[in-house]
Structure formats: C-alpha cells, structure tokens
C-alpha cells in the first residue's frame, strides 16, 4: 500500500533529499518557525517505502542540522542576549511569557534543558538562544546539544521508519487502526504537553514577580 505522504512534501524530499531535512531542522533550531520534526518524520516514513532513501542518512542529516542550527542560535544568543529576543521574539512566537518560561526552566535545570529540550516544541526554539544569552560554557553546551540532537533524531527517525514499515506490512483495517491509534496518541500527548506548559508558565510568572530572580531579563522587559 502507499504510505500516507501526499502532495508537495514527498516531492521535495525526493528532489532535495537529506539536504532538505538538514536545512529545515537547522533553520528551526536557529529559532525560525519551521516544521523540522515533521520533516524528520516524513523523511523516515519515506525511507520505509523507498530503497533510494536510507534511514541512517535521514537520522544523520537531522542530527547534523540540529547541532549546526543550535550552535548558530547559541552564538546569536551569546552576542545579542535578551534584548534581541525581546525585540524580535514575537516574530518567532517567542512572547514575553514564553521567554520567562524558558529562563525559568534554564535557571533550574541548565544542561538538562539542552539535552532534552529538543523533544519539546517550545524548548526546541528557545534552548540554544537562552544558553547563549546566559553565557553557558560552549563546550558544555556542545556536548549536551550533540547528545540531545542525536537522541532526538534516532527516536523520531526510527519511530517514523517503524510506523512506515508497519503500514507497508499490514493492509486494510489493521493499517487504518494503527493510524487511528497513532493519531489519538498524538492528540493526547499534545494536550498533556499544553497543560504541563501552562502549569510551568504559572510557576515562571510567580518566580519572575520578584526581579531578583532574573535581573537581566527583568531590566530588558521593562519599558
């Protein structure tokens, strides 16, 4: 059976392949609102159907794009700090509350945010910029970032590839059932993430009610 990839995306992947995956993931990692994770999953599903598209290269391209993009974001954050994020962050959906949330998480978890932040949509955009703005040691950032980028690429790459293989193997009601289960799981995961983000946002707002918690960010947010 044909896999659930239709329209422009598979054509782009077929035409530009691994470079497209690496480029979109890198640009998303720099802070641009692009579907890097979707591109990785789509490439992985395509690899399950096409012998010309190798899953190991899909994973490698995504990991390379993640590391390169995050390091560019780190340098931007290091050079321009919070003033750039506050001034232009709204263009990238980085509102002031989200900046407070990112700073709140970074202050409390540091390297863990860099390591696991790629698995959370909001943190995927914020982490590298915040690490640079907080003057995090670059070597420490690079180690955590490389490990996190590789784990993320393997997890979502193999997940998409396995899903694609299952769709190729099973036909009819089984394939529809598997797709339905995946859709329900995705919706439930999204709802849980939203509730968790709202709870963390309230905690961050309470923490930053005291300017001493983050004097640099507080000064920057003041008119």
Protein backbone atom coordinates (compact mmCIF):
# COMPACT_ATOMS: atom_id res chain seq x y z
CA UNK A 1 0.00 0.00 0.00
CA UNK A 2 1.10 3.59 -0.46
CA UNK A 3 2.32 5.44 2.59
CA UNK A 4 0.44 8.46 3.97
CA UNK A 5 2.65 11.05 2.29
CA UNK A 6 0.94 13.11 -0.35
CA UNK A 7 1.37 16.43 -2.11
CA UNK A 8 4.42 18.67 -2.13
CA UNK A 9 6.38 17.27 0.82
CA UNK A 10 7.37 13.88 -0.68
CA UNK A 11 8.25 15.62 -3.94
CA UNK A 12 10.57 17.99 -2.10
CA UNK A 13 12.13 15.13 -0.15
CA UNK A 14 12.65 13.11 -3.32
CA UNK A 15 14.17 16.10 -5.11
CA UNK A 16 16.37 17.53 -2.37
CA UNK A 17 16.67 14.59 -0.01
CA UNK A 18 18.90 14.75 3.03
CA UNK A 19 19.95 18.37 2.40
CA UNK A 20 16.35 19.50 2.78
CA UNK A 21 15.97 17.65 6.08
CA UNK A 22 19.22 19.06 7.44
CA UNK A 23 18.40 22.58 6.26
CA UNK A 24 14.87 22.74 7.68
CA UNK A 25 15.97 21.26 11.02
CA UNK A 26 18.90 23.71 11.19
CA UNK A 27 16.71 26.75 10.48
CA UNK A 28 14.15 25.63 13.05
CA UNK A 29 16.96 25.19 15.57
CA UNK A 30 18.02 28.81 14.94
CA UNK A 31 14.55 29.93 16.01
CA UNK A 32 12.57 30.04 12.77
CA UNK A 33 9.05 28.54 12.96
CA UNK A 34 9.64 25.68 10.51
CA UNK A 35 8.46 22.03 10.76
CA UNK A 36 11.80 20.36 11.44
CA UNK A 37 10.34 17.48 13.40
CA UNK A 38 7.67 16.91 10.75
CA UNK A 39 10.36 16.85 8.07
CA UNK A 40 12.33 14.22 10.02
CA UNK A 41 9.26 12.00 10.48
CA UNK A 42 8.20 12.39 6.84
CA UNK A 43 11.70 11.51 5.65
CA UNK A 44 11.73 8.47 7.91
CA UNK A 45 8.38 7.24 6.60
CA UNK A 46 9.61 7.75 3.04
CA UNK A 47 12.73 5.73 3.86
CA UNK A 48 10.50 2.81 4.80
CA UNK A 49 8.98 2.81 1.31
CA UNK A 50 11.88 3.83 -0.94
CA UNK A 51 15.12 1.85 -1.30
CA UNK A 52 16.78 5.06 -2.51
CA UNK A 53 16.12 6.84 0.80
CA UNK A 54 18.21 5.45 3.66
CA UNK A 55 17.01 5.80 7.24
CA UNK A 56 20.54 6.09 8.64
CA UNK A 57 21.20 9.08 6.36
CA UNK A 58 17.87 10.65 7.33
CA UNK A 59 18.84 10.38 11.01
CA UNK A 60 22.35 11.68 10.31
CA UNK A 61 21.05 14.66 8.32
CA UNK A 62 18.59 15.62 11.06
CA UNK A 63 21.22 15.30 13.79
CA UNK A 64 23.73 17.39 11.82
CA UNK A 65 21.13 20.07 11.13
CA UNK A 66 20.14 20.15 14.79
CA UNK A 67 23.70 20.60 16.04
CA UNK A 68 24.68 23.21 13.43
CA UNK A 69 21.47 25.20 13.87
CA UNK A 70 21.62 25.14 17.66
CA UNK A 71 25.22 26.35 17.67
CA UNK A 72 24.32 29.26 15.41
CA UNK A 73 21.45 30.05 17.79
CA UNK A 74 23.86 29.81 20.73
CA UNK A 75 26.21 32.34 19.11
CA UNK A 76 23.32 34.70 18.37
CA UNK A 77 22.18 34.49 21.99
CA UNK A 78 25.74 34.98 23.24
CA UNK A 79 26.27 38.03 21.01
CA UNK A 80 22.96 39.86 21.36
CA UNK A 81 21.44 38.50 24.58
CA UNK A 82 17.90 39.10 25.76
CA UNK A 83 17.46 42.43 24.03
CA UNK A 84 17.31 40.73 20.65
CA UNK A 85 14.90 38.08 21.93
CA UNK A 86 12.57 40.64 23.49
CA UNK A 87 12.65 42.92 20.45
CA UNK A 88 12.13 40.34 17.72
CA UNK A 89 10.97 37.24 19.59
CA UNK A 90 7.29 37.85 18.82
CA UNK A 91 8.04 37.27 15.13
CA UNK A 92 9.14 33.75 16.10
CA UNK A 93 6.29 33.21 18.60
CA UNK A 94 8.66 33.92 21.50
CA UNK A 95 6.38 36.11 23.57
CA UNK A 96 7.45 37.65 26.87
CA UNK A 97 5.67 34.93 28.89
CA UNK A 98 7.45 32.24 26.89
CA UNK A 99 10.79 33.96 27.43
CA UNK A 100 10.11 33.94 31.16
CA UNK A 101 9.19 30.26 30.97
CA UNK A 102 12.36 29.39 29.08
CA UNK A 103 14.50 31.36 31.51
CA UNK A 104 12.73 29.72 34.46
CA UNK A 105 13.45 26.23 33.13
CA UNK A 106 17.01 27.08 32.17
CA UNK A 107 17.89 28.52 35.58
CA UNK A 108 16.62 25.40 37.35
CA UNK A 109 17.74 22.65 35.02
CA UNK A 110 20.56 24.06 32.85
CA UNK A 111 22.24 21.26 30.94
CA UNK A 112 19.18 19.01 31.20
CA UNK A 113 17.19 21.56 29.21
CA UNK A 114 19.84 21.50 26.48
CA UNK A 115 19.95 17.69 26.48
CA UNK A 116 16.20 17.04 26.43
CA UNK A 117 14.77 20.36 25.23
CA UNK A 118 14.71 19.22 21.61
CA UNK A 119 11.88 16.83 22.47
CA UNK A 120 9.62 19.79 23.41
CA UNK A 121 8.44 22.14 20.65
CA UNK A 122 8.79 25.35 22.67
CA UNK A 123 12.23 24.50 24.04
CA UNK A 124 13.47 23.45 20.61
CA UNK A 125 13.27 27.12 19.62
CA UNK A 126 14.40 28.67 22.91
CA UNK A 127 17.16 26.47 24.28
CA UNK A 128 20.15 27.47 22.16
CA UNK A 129 19.32 31.18 22.30
CA UNK A 130 18.86 31.07 26.07
CA UNK A 131 22.04 29.08 26.57
CA UNK A 132 23.98 31.76 24.72
CA UNK A 133 22.22 34.63 26.48
CA UNK A 134 23.01 33.00 29.84
CA UNK A 135 26.72 32.73 28.93
CA UNK A 136 26.71 28.94 29.25
CA UNK A 137 30.10 27.31 28.67
CA UNK A 138 30.21 26.48 24.94
CA UNK A 139 31.93 23.12 25.39
CA UNK A 140 29.33 22.03 27.92
CA UNK A 141 26.58 23.25 25.62
CA UNK A 142 28.07 21.47 22.60
CA UNK A 143 28.30 18.13 24.44
CA UNK A 144 24.73 18.26 25.76
CA UNK A 145 23.42 19.60 22.46
CA UNK A 146 25.13 16.94 20.34
CA UNK A 147 23.84 14.14 22.58
CA UNK A 148 20.34 15.60 22.62
CA UNK A 149 20.26 16.14 18.86
CA UNK A 150 21.39 12.58 18.20
CA UNK A 151 18.87 11.09 20.66
CA UNK A 152 16.06 13.14 19.14
CA UNK A 153 16.98 12.16 15.59
CA UNK A 154 17.21 8.47 16.46
CA UNK A 155 13.95 8.45 18.45
CA UNK A 156 11.78 10.23 15.89
CA UNK A 157 13.63 8.80 12.91
CA UNK A 158 13.26 5.18 13.97
CA UNK A 159 9.73 5.87 15.18
CA UNK A 160 8.66 7.21 11.78
CA UNK A 161 10.51 4.46 9.94
CA UNK A 162 8.89 1.72 12.06
CA UNK A 163 5.47 3.27 11.52
CA UNK A 164 6.09 3.36 7.77
CA UNK A 165 7.20 -0.26 7.74
CA UNK A 166 4.09 -1.30 9.66
CA UNK A 167 1.89 0.45 7.11
CA UNK A 168 3.73 -1.32 4.31
CA UNK A 169 3.32 -4.69 6.01
CA UNK A 170 -0.31 -4.51 7.11
CA UNK A 171 -3.20 -3.62 4.85
CA UNK A 172 -6.81 -2.63 5.22
CA UNK A 173 -8.34 -2.34 8.70
CA UNK A 174 -5.07 -3.01 10.51
CA UNK A 175 -3.37 -0.07 8.83
CA UNK A 176 -6.35 2.20 9.49
CA UNK A 177 -6.40 1.05 13.12
CA UNK A 178 -2.68 1.72 13.55
CA UNK A 179 -3.09 5.17 12.05
CA UNK A 180 -6.03 5.89 14.35
CA UNK A 181 -4.09 4.81 17.43
CA UNK A 182 -1.15 6.99 16.41
CA UNK A 183 -3.48 9.97 15.87
CA UNK A 184 -5.17 9.54 19.26
CA UNK A 185 -1.79 9.15 20.98
CA UNK A 186 -0.56 12.32 19.28
CA UNK A 187 -3.61 14.33 20.37
CA UNK A 188 -3.35 13.09 23.96
CA UNK A 189 0.36 13.87 24.03
CA UNK A 190 -0.29 17.38 22.71
CA UNK A 191 -2.99 18.03 25.31
CA UNK A 192 -0.73 16.81 28.11
CA UNK A 193 2.12 19.00 26.88
CA UNK A 194 -0.16 22.04 26.74
CA UNK A 195 -1.42 21.52 30.30
CA UNK A 196 2.13 20.97 31.53
CA UNK A 197 3.32 24.12 29.77
CA UNK A 198 0.50 26.17 31.32
CA UNK A 199 1.39 24.89 34.79
CA UNK A 200 5.06 25.72 34.27
CA UNK A 201 4.12 29.12 32.87
CA UNK A 202 2.24 29.99 36.06
CA UNK A 203 5.25 28.93 38.12
CA UNK A 204 7.55 31.04 35.95
CA UNK A 205 5.30 34.10 36.25
CA UNK A 206 5.29 33.75 40.04
CA UNK A 207 9.07 33.39 40.11
CA UNK A 208 9.69 36.46 37.96
CA UNK A 209 7.32 38.59 40.01
CA UNK A 210 10.50 39.10 42.09
CA UNK A 211 13.04 40.98 39.90
CA UNK A 212 15.90 39.41 41.85
CA UNK A 213 15.11 36.06 40.22
CA UNK A 214 16.40 37.31 36.86
CA UNK A 215 17.59 40.92 36.96
CA UNK A 216 18.89 40.93 33.36
CA UNK A 217 15.64 39.68 31.84
CA UNK A 218 13.58 41.93 34.12
CA UNK A 219 15.57 45.01 33.06
CA UNK A 220 15.20 44.08 29.41
CA UNK A 221 11.44 43.63 29.67
CA UNK A 222 10.99 47.00 31.36
CA UNK A 223 9.86 49.83 29.04
